[in-house]
Each structure stands twice: as structure tokens, then as C-alpha cells.
């Protein structure tokens, strides 16, 4: 999975969650995904009930999950959020 991660997609989904999701105690959630950022803005975390993806400075990241099935379900949620809230491209 490490080589397949699209950092731009993850950041786009993060922004969609912050923009369109519900805020609770400084965290935002949308369609089963929670989004959070570090105090300095350089660390972004997306998580669901099983998987936690943390993006660090210079596009380094950690992915914690119990198995590949949980990862697959997590990334499917990210893809759905991306499709639902995708910004139109400039012509």
C-alpha cells in the first residue's frame, strides 16, 4: 500500500472533510472518516474506527491498520468522499 498512496488525494479529502464535515472538539468528521491536524498544520490525520493514516512533513506518512481489508475499506471511503466533493476542473 505504501507505494500506492496518493498524497494529493488524501489532502483533498482532508480539505473536503474540514469544509463539509461536522466539527466536534476540534476534529471534523464526514462519512465515517475523522480529520485532524497538528497544531502547526504540518501533520494531518485521517482515521475511521480501524485505520489511522497520518501525513507528516515532506509527504512521509504512517498507516496503522489491523489488516488489508480494513485498509481497503478505509481507502474506499476516501475515494467516495473525493468523488462526492470533487472541485470542478478549470477548462
N, C-alpha and C. Protein backbone atom coordinates (compact mmCIF):
# COMPACT_ATOMS: atom_id res chain seq x y z
N UNK A 1 0.82 -1.20 0.00
CA UNK A 1 0.00 0.00 0.00
C UNK A 1 0.86 1.25 0.00
N UNK A 2 2.04 1.20 0.60
CA UNK A 2 2.85 2.40 0.75
C UNK A 2 3.12 3.09 -0.58
N UNK A 3 3.38 2.32 -1.65
CA UNK A 3 3.70 2.93 -2.93
C UNK A 3 2.47 3.43 -3.67
N UNK A 4 1.29 3.04 -3.25
CA UNK A 4 0.06 3.41 -3.94
C UNK A 4 -0.60 4.66 -3.37
N UNK A 5 -0.11 5.20 -2.29
CA UNK A 5 -0.76 6.33 -1.64
C UNK A 5 -0.62 7.60 -2.48
N UNK A 6 -1.75 8.24 -2.75
CA UNK A 6 -1.78 9.49 -3.49
C UNK A 6 -1.93 10.62 -2.47
N UNK A 7 -0.82 11.27 -2.17
CA UNK A 7 -0.80 12.32 -1.15
C UNK A 7 -1.78 13.45 -1.50
N UNK A 8 -1.83 13.83 -2.77
CA UNK A 8 -2.73 14.91 -3.19
C UNK A 8 -4.19 14.53 -2.95
N UNK A 9 -4.54 13.27 -3.22
CA UNK A 9 -5.91 12.82 -2.97
C UNK A 9 -6.22 12.90 -1.47
N UNK A 10 -5.30 12.44 -0.65
CA UNK A 10 -5.52 12.45 0.79
C UNK A 10 -5.71 13.88 1.30
N UNK A 11 -4.89 14.80 0.83
CA UNK A 11 -5.03 16.19 1.26
C UNK A 11 -6.33 16.81 0.75
N UNK A 12 -6.74 16.44 -0.44
CA UNK A 12 -8.02 16.91 -0.98
C UNK A 12 -9.19 16.40 -0.14
N UNK A 13 -9.12 15.14 0.24
CA UNK A 13 -10.17 14.55 1.08
C UNK A 13 -10.17 15.23 2.45
N UNK A 14 -8.99 15.46 3.00
CA UNK A 14 -8.90 16.16 4.29
C UNK A 14 -9.62 17.51 4.20
N UNK A 15 -9.35 18.28 3.13
CA UNK A 15 -9.97 19.59 2.99
C UNK A 15 -11.48 19.47 2.82
N UNK A 16 -11.93 18.45 2.11
CA UNK A 16 -13.38 18.24 1.95
C UNK A 16 -14.04 17.94 3.29
N UNK A 17 -13.38 17.15 4.12
CA UNK A 17 -13.93 16.82 5.43
C UNK A 17 -14.00 18.06 6.31
N UNK A 18 -12.94 18.87 6.29
CA UNK A 18 -12.93 20.09 7.09
C UNK A 18 -14.00 21.07 6.59
N UNK A 19 -14.18 21.16 5.29
CA UNK A 19 -15.12 22.11 4.70
C UNK A 19 -16.57 21.66 4.86
N UNK A 20 -16.83 20.37 4.63
CA UNK A 20 -18.21 19.89 4.57
C UNK A 20 -18.63 19.03 5.77
N UNK A 21 -17.67 18.62 6.59
CA UNK A 21 -17.98 17.73 7.70
C UNK A 21 -18.47 18.46 8.93
N UNK A 22 -18.76 17.67 9.95
CA UNK A 22 -19.21 18.22 11.24
C UNK A 22 -18.00 18.34 12.16
N UNK A 23 -17.95 19.45 12.89
CA UNK A 23 -16.85 19.69 13.82
C UNK A 23 -17.27 19.30 15.23
N UNK A 24 -16.39 18.62 15.93
CA UNK A 24 -16.63 18.24 17.32
C UNK A 24 -15.29 18.18 18.04
N UNK A 25 -15.11 19.03 19.03
CA UNK A 25 -13.88 19.07 19.82
C UNK A 25 -12.63 19.24 18.96
N UNK A 26 -12.72 20.08 17.95
CA UNK A 26 -11.55 20.38 17.12
C UNK A 26 -11.29 19.38 16.01
N UNK A 27 -12.08 18.33 15.94
CA UNK A 27 -11.94 17.33 14.88
C UNK A 27 -13.17 17.43 13.97
N UNK A 28 -12.96 17.09 12.72
CA UNK A 28 -14.06 17.10 11.76
C UNK A 28 -14.33 15.68 11.31
N UNK A 29 -15.59 15.38 11.01
CA UNK A 29 -15.93 14.04 10.52
C UNK A 29 -16.92 14.14 9.38
N UNK A 30 -16.80 13.20 8.46
CA UNK A 30 -17.66 13.14 7.29
C UNK A 30 -17.65 11.72 6.76
N UNK A 31 -18.82 11.14 6.59
CA UNK A 31 -18.98 9.81 6.00
C UNK A 31 -18.09 8.74 6.66
N UNK A 32 -17.97 8.80 7.97
CA UNK A 32 -17.22 7.79 8.70
C UNK A 32 -15.73 8.02 8.81
N UNK A 33 -15.24 9.15 8.30
CA UNK A 33 -13.82 9.49 8.38
C UNK A 33 -13.66 10.73 9.25
N UNK A 34 -12.73 10.67 10.19
CA UNK A 34 -12.40 11.83 11.02
C UNK A 34 -11.11 12.45 10.51
N UNK A 35 -11.04 13.78 10.56
CA UNK A 35 -9.86 14.52 10.12
C UNK A 35 -9.38 15.42 11.24
N UNK A 36 -8.07 15.48 11.38
CA UNK A 36 -7.45 16.31 12.41
C UNK A 36 -6.11 16.78 11.86
N UNK A 37 -5.62 17.89 12.41
CA UNK A 37 -4.29 18.35 12.03
C UNK A 37 -3.53 18.75 13.28
N UNK A 38 -2.22 18.72 13.16
CA UNK A 38 -1.37 19.11 14.27
C UNK A 38 -1.46 20.61 14.51
N UNK A 39 -0.99 21.05 15.64
CA UNK A 39 -1.07 22.47 15.99
C UNK A 39 -0.33 23.35 14.99
N UNK A 40 0.70 22.81 14.33
CA UNK A 40 1.48 23.60 13.39
C UNK A 40 0.98 23.48 11.95
N UNK A 41 0.02 22.60 11.69
CA UNK A 41 -0.52 22.43 10.36
C UNK A 41 0.28 21.54 9.46
N UNK A 42 1.40 21.00 9.95
CA UNK A 42 2.25 20.14 9.12
C UNK A 42 1.88 18.67 9.20
N UNK A 43 1.07 18.30 10.15
CA UNK A 43 0.66 16.91 10.31
C UNK A 43 -0.85 16.82 10.13
N UNK A 44 -1.28 15.89 9.29
CA UNK A 44 -2.69 15.68 9.00
C UNK A 44 -3.02 14.23 9.29
N UNK A 45 -4.12 13.99 9.99
CA UNK A 45 -4.54 12.63 10.31
C UNK A 45 -5.95 12.39 9.82
N UNK A 46 -6.13 11.27 9.12
CA UNK A 46 -7.45 10.78 8.72
C UNK A 46 -7.62 9.42 9.34
N UNK A 47 -8.80 9.15 9.90
CA UNK A 47 -9.00 7.86 10.55
C UNK A 47 -10.46 7.45 10.51
N UNK A 48 -10.67 6.15 10.63
CA UNK A 48 -12.01 5.62 10.86
C UNK A 48 -11.90 4.73 12.09
N UNK A 49 -12.85 3.84 12.30
CA UNK A 49 -12.84 3.03 13.52
C UNK A 49 -11.70 2.00 13.57
N UNK A 50 -11.04 1.73 12.42
CA UNK A 50 -9.99 0.72 12.41
C UNK A 50 -8.65 1.21 11.89
N UNK A 51 -8.64 2.20 11.05
CA UNK A 51 -7.42 2.62 10.35
C UNK A 51 -7.09 4.07 10.70
N UNK A 52 -5.80 4.34 10.82
CA UNK A 52 -5.32 5.69 11.06
C UNK A 52 -4.19 5.99 10.08
N UNK A 53 -4.37 7.04 9.28
CA UNK A 53 -3.36 7.49 8.32
C UNK A 53 -2.89 8.86 8.77
N UNK A 54 -1.59 8.99 9.02
CA UNK A 54 -1.01 10.26 9.44
C UNK A 54 0.00 10.71 8.41
N UNK A 55 -0.23 11.89 7.85
CA UNK A 55 0.71 12.50 6.91
C UNK A 55 1.59 13.46 7.67
N UNK A 56 2.89 13.33 7.45
CA UNK A 56 3.87 14.20 8.11
C UNK A 56 4.48 15.14 7.08
N UNK A 57 5.30 16.02 7.56
CA UNK A 57 6.03 16.97 6.72
C UNK A 57 6.82 16.21 5.66
N UNK A 58 6.95 16.78 4.48
CA UNK A 58 7.67 16.19 3.33
C UNK A 58 7.04 14.90 2.84
N UNK A 59 5.73 14.78 2.98
CA UNK A 59 4.96 13.65 2.45
C UNK A 59 5.34 12.28 3.03
N UNK A 60 5.93 12.26 4.19
CA UNK A 60 6.13 11.00 4.91
C UNK A 60 4.80 10.67 5.60
N UNK A 61 4.54 9.39 5.77
CA UNK A 61 3.28 9.03 6.41
C UNK A 61 3.38 7.71 7.15
N UNK A 62 2.44 7.51 8.06
CA UNK A 62 2.28 6.26 8.79
C UNK A 62 0.86 5.77 8.55
N UNK A 63 0.73 4.48 8.31
CA UNK A 63 -0.57 3.86 8.11
C UNK A 63 -0.68 2.72 9.11
N UNK A 64 -1.63 2.85 10.03
CA UNK A 64 -1.85 1.82 11.04
C UNK A 64 -3.21 1.19 10.83
N UNK A 65 -3.21 -0.13 10.64
CA UNK A 65 -4.47 -0.84 10.44
C UNK A 65 -4.29 -2.29 10.87
N UNK A 66 -5.39 -2.95 11.20
CA UNK A 66 -5.29 -4.34 11.64
C UNK A 66 -5.05 -5.32 10.48
N UNK A 67 -5.49 -4.93 9.26
CA UNK A 67 -5.32 -5.83 8.12
C UNK A 67 -5.59 -5.09 6.81
N UNK A 68 -5.35 -5.78 5.69
CA UNK A 68 -5.52 -5.18 4.36
C UNK A 68 -7.00 -4.89 4.05
N UNK A 69 -7.90 -5.70 4.60
CA UNK A 69 -9.32 -5.47 4.36
C UNK A 69 -9.78 -4.15 4.98
N UNK A 70 -9.29 -3.87 6.16
CA UNK A 70 -9.62 -2.60 6.81
C UNK A 70 -9.05 -1.43 6.02
N UNK A 71 -7.81 -1.59 5.52
CA UNK A 71 -7.20 -0.56 4.69
C UNK A 71 -8.02 -0.32 3.43
N UNK A 72 -8.43 -1.39 2.78
CA UNK A 72 -9.21 -1.27 1.55
C UNK A 72 -10.52 -0.54 1.82
N UNK A 73 -11.22 -0.88 2.88
CA UNK A 73 -12.48 -0.21 3.22
C UNK A 73 -12.23 1.27 3.52
N UNK A 74 -11.14 1.57 4.22
CA UNK A 74 -10.78 2.95 4.55
C UNK A 74 -10.55 3.76 3.28
N UNK A 75 -9.75 3.23 2.37
CA UNK A 75 -9.44 3.97 1.15
C UNK A 75 -10.65 4.08 0.22
N UNK A 76 -11.57 3.13 0.29
CA UNK A 76 -12.82 3.25 -0.46
C UNK A 76 -13.65 4.42 0.07
N UNK A 77 -13.64 4.62 1.40
CA UNK A 77 -14.34 5.77 1.98
C UNK A 77 -13.71 7.09 1.50
N UNK A 78 -12.37 7.11 1.45
CA UNK A 78 -11.69 8.32 0.98
C UNK A 78 -12.06 8.61 -0.47
N UNK A 79 -12.10 7.57 -1.29
CA UNK A 79 -12.45 7.73 -2.70
C UNK A 79 -13.87 8.25 -2.86
N UNK A 80 -14.79 7.75 -2.04
CA UNK A 80 -16.18 8.21 -2.11
C UNK A 80 -16.28 9.68 -1.72
N UNK A 81 -15.57 10.09 -0.70
CA UNK A 81 -15.58 11.50 -0.30
C UNK A 81 -14.99 12.35 -1.42
N UNK A 82 -13.90 11.89 -2.01
CA UNK A 82 -13.28 12.65 -3.10
C UNK A 82 -14.25 12.82 -4.27
N UNK A 83 -14.93 11.76 -4.64
CA UNK A 83 -15.89 11.83 -5.76
C UNK A 83 -17.06 12.75 -5.42
N UNK A 84 -17.55 12.66 -4.20
CA UNK A 84 -18.72 13.44 -3.82
C UNK A 84 -18.44 14.93 -3.75
N UNK A 85 -17.23 15.30 -3.33
CA UNK A 85 -16.93 16.71 -3.09
C UNK A 85 -15.83 17.26 -4.01
N UNK A 86 -15.56 16.57 -5.09
CA UNK A 86 -14.51 16.99 -6.02
C UNK A 86 -14.83 18.37 -6.59
N UNK A 87 -13.79 19.20 -6.62
CA UNK A 87 -13.95 20.52 -7.21
C UNK A 87 -13.90 20.39 -8.74
N UNK A 88 -14.72 21.17 -9.44
CA UNK A 88 -14.67 21.13 -10.90
C UNK A 88 -13.32 21.64 -11.39
N UNK A 89 -12.80 21.02 -12.44
CA UNK A 89 -11.54 21.45 -13.03
C UNK A 89 -11.76 22.69 -13.88
N UNK A 90 -10.77 23.57 -13.91
CA UNK A 90 -10.84 24.75 -14.77
C UNK A 90 -10.64 24.32 -16.21
N UNK A 91 -11.46 24.84 -17.13
CA UNK A 91 -11.31 24.44 -18.55
C UNK A 91 -10.07 25.03 -19.18
